[in-house]
């Protein structure tokens, strides 16, 4: 008979938070921000309303925490995927392709729901503004860790992360509006070509 290992309070708390955050993301993607409610989140997480309120007292705190949770997880996934890029590959092009697969799915859908709702919701706007800044720091840090040796002093290097994300976010929005994959692919290919021209060269062997 296998003896069950008792989890610590911290482990149980972390598990509860993760269930709530995952359920929140599911609601944002399935229902949109307006129809996402904390009771529905608790139901999908298989938890009581009391447990939800204990960890996240407000809807704004819960949804912004969920999106940050998703971005942090996706950042780790991006690093892992980038580490598997074969030697000799165009590293900028590979990074753009990986980012597009991440941006064009549920990550963008959840973020878009928050960004639109924040326009008219004062409490949410404050939380989204703070979250945006934290995510911007995370993205910039990752970019510099991966490409920093290529040339921090390059004139385009400092704005490259924001430029790429702004463009990919725009393409993701166009995709929702009905733009075809062929048109989007052409734009992404153009961005890769631009990166080869304006960005400093990288050591393709690493």
Protein backbone atom coordinates (compact mmCIF):
# COMPACT_ATOMS: atom_id res chain seq x y z
CA UNK A 1 0.00 0.00 0.00
CA UNK A 2 1.41 3.38 -1.05
CA UNK A 3 1.31 5.97 1.71
CA UNK A 4 -0.07 9.32 0.57
CA UNK A 5 2.23 12.26 1.18
CA UNK A 6 0.46 15.06 3.00
CA UNK A 7 0.78 18.40 1.29
CA UNK A 8 1.84 21.47 3.24
CA UNK A 9 -0.49 24.42 3.71
CA UNK A 10 1.59 26.42 1.25
CA UNK A 11 1.27 23.67 -1.36
CA UNK A 12 -2.50 23.46 -0.88
CA UNK A 13 -2.79 27.23 -1.12
CA UNK A 14 -0.70 27.33 -4.31
CA UNK A 15 -2.82 24.57 -5.83
CA UNK A 16 -6.03 26.44 -4.99
CA UNK A 17 -4.71 29.66 -6.52
CA UNK A 18 -3.66 27.84 -9.69
CA UNK A 19 -7.11 26.26 -10.06
CA UNK A 20 -8.73 29.68 -9.68
CA UNK A 21 -6.36 31.33 -12.15
CA UNK A 22 -6.81 28.59 -14.76
CA UNK A 23 -10.60 28.74 -14.35
CA UNK A 24 -10.50 32.52 -14.76
CA UNK A 25 -8.60 32.26 -18.03
CA UNK A 26 -11.07 29.66 -19.24
CA UNK A 27 -13.96 32.01 -18.43
CA UNK A 28 -12.34 35.01 -20.09
CA UNK A 29 -11.82 33.03 -23.30
CA UNK A 30 -15.23 31.30 -23.25
CA UNK A 31 -17.45 34.07 -21.90
CA UNK A 32 -15.61 37.37 -22.25
CA UNK A 33 -14.91 39.77 -19.40
CA UNK A 34 -18.46 41.08 -18.99
CA UNK A 35 -19.97 37.62 -18.49
CA UNK A 36 -17.13 36.32 -16.36
CA UNK A 37 -18.26 36.27 -12.74
CA UNK A 38 -16.47 35.19 -9.60
CA UNK A 39 -19.17 32.59 -8.75
CA UNK A 40 -18.71 31.03 -12.20
CA UNK A 41 -14.95 31.01 -11.74
CA UNK A 42 -15.30 29.28 -8.37
CA UNK A 43 -17.69 26.74 -9.90
CA UNK A 44 -15.32 25.90 -12.74
CA UNK A 45 -12.43 25.62 -10.31
CA UNK A 46 -14.46 23.24 -8.14
CA UNK A 47 -14.06 25.52 -5.13
CA UNK A 48 -16.31 27.41 -2.76
CA UNK A 49 -16.96 31.13 -3.05
CA UNK A 50 -15.29 31.49 0.32
CA UNK A 51 -12.07 29.95 -0.99
CA UNK A 52 -12.14 32.26 -4.01
CA UNK A 53 -12.71 35.37 -1.89
CA UNK A 54 -9.95 34.36 0.51
CA UNK A 55 -7.36 34.33 -2.28
CA UNK A 56 -8.77 37.04 -4.56
CA UNK A 57 -11.23 39.46 -2.91
CA UNK A 58 -12.17 41.27 -6.15
CA UNK A 59 -12.84 40.31 -9.74
CA UNK A 60 -10.27 42.84 -10.99
CA UNK A 61 -7.56 41.31 -8.83
CA UNK A 62 -8.49 37.80 -9.94
CA UNK A 63 -8.56 38.45 -13.68
CA UNK A 64 -5.37 40.51 -13.78
CA UNK A 65 -3.59 37.89 -11.65
CA UNK A 66 -4.80 35.21 -14.06
CA UNK A 67 -3.41 37.02 -17.10
CA UNK A 68 -0.10 37.64 -15.34
CA UNK A 69 -0.02 33.94 -14.42
CA UNK A 70 -0.55 33.06 -18.09
CA UNK A 71 2.10 35.46 -19.38
CA UNK A 72 4.66 34.23 -16.86
CA UNK A 73 3.98 30.64 -17.86
CA UNK A 74 4.18 31.53 -21.53
CA UNK A 75 7.47 33.35 -20.95
CA UNK A 76 8.93 30.12 -19.55
CA UNK A 77 7.49 28.17 -22.50
CA UNK A 78 9.03 30.67 -24.92
CA UNK A 79 12.46 30.29 -23.32
CA UNK A 80 12.20 26.51 -23.48
CA UNK A 81 11.08 26.55 -27.13
CA UNK A 82 13.81 29.02 -28.07
CA UNK A 83 16.43 26.86 -26.38
CA UNK A 84 15.45 24.04 -28.76
CA UNK A 85 16.02 26.12 -31.90
CA UNK A 86 18.62 24.25 -34.02
CA UNK A 87 22.08 25.71 -34.48
CA UNK A 88 22.40 27.80 -37.62
CA UNK A 89 18.77 28.95 -37.53
CA UNK A 90 17.86 32.62 -37.98
CA UNK A 91 17.32 33.42 -34.28
CA UNK A 92 15.20 36.52 -34.84
CA UNK A 93 12.91 34.69 -37.26
CA UNK A 94 12.64 31.75 -34.86
CA UNK A 95 11.73 34.10 -31.99
CA UNK A 96 9.02 35.78 -34.08
CA UNK A 97 7.53 32.42 -35.10
CA UNK A 98 7.43 31.19 -31.50
CA UNK A 99 5.90 34.44 -30.27
CA UNK A 100 3.21 34.31 -32.94
CA UNK A 101 2.12 30.81 -31.92
CA UNK A 102 1.74 32.13 -28.37
CA UNK A 103 0.12 35.48 -29.16
CA UNK A 104 -2.40 34.16 -31.66
CA UNK A 105 -4.26 31.93 -29.19
CA UNK A 106 -5.91 32.16 -25.76
CA UNK A 107 -3.20 34.44 -24.37
CA UNK A 108 -4.26 37.27 -26.65
CA UNK A 109 -7.97 36.57 -26.23
CA UNK A 110 -7.73 36.89 -22.44
CA UNK A 111 -5.58 40.02 -22.68
CA UNK A 112 -7.90 41.65 -25.21
CA UNK A 113 -10.90 41.11 -22.95
CA UNK A 114 -9.11 42.91 -20.12
CA UNK A 115 -7.75 45.73 -22.26
CA UNK A 116 -11.17 46.57 -23.74
CA UNK A 117 -12.95 46.35 -20.38
CA UNK A 118 -10.33 48.55 -18.71
CA UNK A 119 -11.23 51.46 -20.99
CA UNK A 120 -14.41 52.13 -19.02
CA UNK A 121 -13.70 50.38 -15.70
CA UNK A 122 -11.62 52.58 -13.40
CA UNK A 123 -10.67 49.83 -10.95
CA UNK A 124 -9.70 47.44 -13.72
CA UNK A 125 -7.81 50.15 -15.62
CA UNK A 126 -5.54 50.75 -12.64
CA UNK A 127 -4.83 47.03 -12.28
CA UNK A 128 -4.25 46.57 -16.02
CA UNK A 129 -1.87 49.56 -16.13
CA UNK A 130 0.21 48.05 -13.33
CA UNK A 131 0.12 44.62 -14.95
CA UNK A 132 1.15 46.03 -18.33
CA UNK A 133 4.25 47.58 -16.83
CA UNK A 134 5.25 44.35 -15.07
CA UNK A 135 4.79 42.37 -18.27
CA UNK A 136 6.76 44.93 -20.25
CA UNK A 137 9.67 44.51 -17.84
CA UNK A 138 9.41 40.72 -18.14
CA UNK A 139 9.42 40.80 -21.94
CA UNK A 140 12.33 43.26 -22.09
CA UNK A 141 14.33 41.21 -19.62
CA UNK A 142 13.78 38.02 -21.62
CA UNK A 143 14.70 39.77 -24.88
CA UNK A 144 17.93 41.15 -23.45
CA UNK A 145 18.90 37.82 -21.94
CA UNK A 146 18.46 36.12 -25.32
CA UNK A 147 19.84 38.82 -27.60
CA UNK A 148 21.69 41.27 -25.35
CA UNK A 149 25.12 40.35 -26.61
CA UNK A 150 23.96 41.21 -30.13
CA UNK A 151 24.19 44.92 -29.38
CA UNK A 152 22.50 46.84 -26.56
CA UNK A 153 23.67 50.09 -28.15
CA UNK A 154 21.94 49.38 -31.48
CA UNK A 155 19.35 52.15 -32.16
CA UNK A 156 16.50 49.71 -32.84
CA UNK A 157 17.42 47.20 -30.14
CA UNK A 158 15.82 49.06 -27.22
CA UNK A 159 12.39 49.31 -28.85
CA UNK A 160 12.42 45.95 -30.63
CA UNK A 161 10.38 44.01 -28.01
CA UNK A 162 7.57 46.59 -27.93
CA UNK A 163 7.63 46.93 -31.71
CA UNK A 164 7.28 43.19 -32.27
CA UNK A 165 4.56 42.73 -29.66
CA UNK A 166 2.58 45.71 -30.95
CA UNK A 167 2.72 44.30 -34.46
CA UNK A 168 1.82 40.73 -33.42
CA UNK A 169 -1.03 42.00 -31.22
CA UNK A 170 -2.35 43.90 -34.23
CA UNK A 171 -2.17 40.79 -36.39
CA UNK A 172 -3.94 38.76 -33.70
CA UNK A 173 -6.72 41.34 -33.69
CA UNK A 174 -6.93 41.19 -37.48
CA UNK A 175 -7.19 37.42 -37.26
CA UNK A 176 -10.19 37.75 -34.95
CA UNK A 177 -11.71 40.22 -37.42
CA UNK A 178 -11.38 37.70 -40.23
CA UNK A 179 -8.03 38.26 -41.95
CA UNK A 180 -6.81 35.13 -43.71
CA UNK A 181 -3.73 33.16 -42.72
CA UNK A 182 -2.04 33.91 -46.05
CA UNK A 183 -2.19 37.68 -45.53
CA UNK A 184 -0.96 37.37 -41.95
CA UNK A 185 1.90 35.09 -43.00
CA UNK A 186 3.03 37.64 -45.58
CA UNK A 187 3.20 40.34 -42.91
CA UNK A 188 5.13 38.08 -40.52
CA UNK A 189 7.58 37.19 -43.29
CA UNK A 190 8.06 40.91 -43.94
CA UNK A 191 8.81 41.50 -40.26
CA UNK A 192 11.43 38.73 -40.33
CA UNK A 193 13.04 40.34 -43.38
CA UNK A 194 13.02 43.72 -41.62
CA UNK A 195 14.67 42.18 -38.55
CA UNK A 196 17.48 40.83 -40.71
CA UNK A 197 18.09 44.34 -42.05
CA UNK A 198 17.77 46.55 -38.96
CA UNK A 199 18.79 44.27 -36.09
CA UNK A 200 22.40 43.52 -35.19
CA UNK A 201 23.63 40.09 -36.27
CA UNK A 202 23.46 37.23 -33.78
CA UNK A 203 25.72 34.23 -33.41
CA UNK A 204 23.57 31.60 -35.11
CA UNK A 205 25.67 28.86 -33.57
CA UNK A 206 24.31 29.58 -30.07
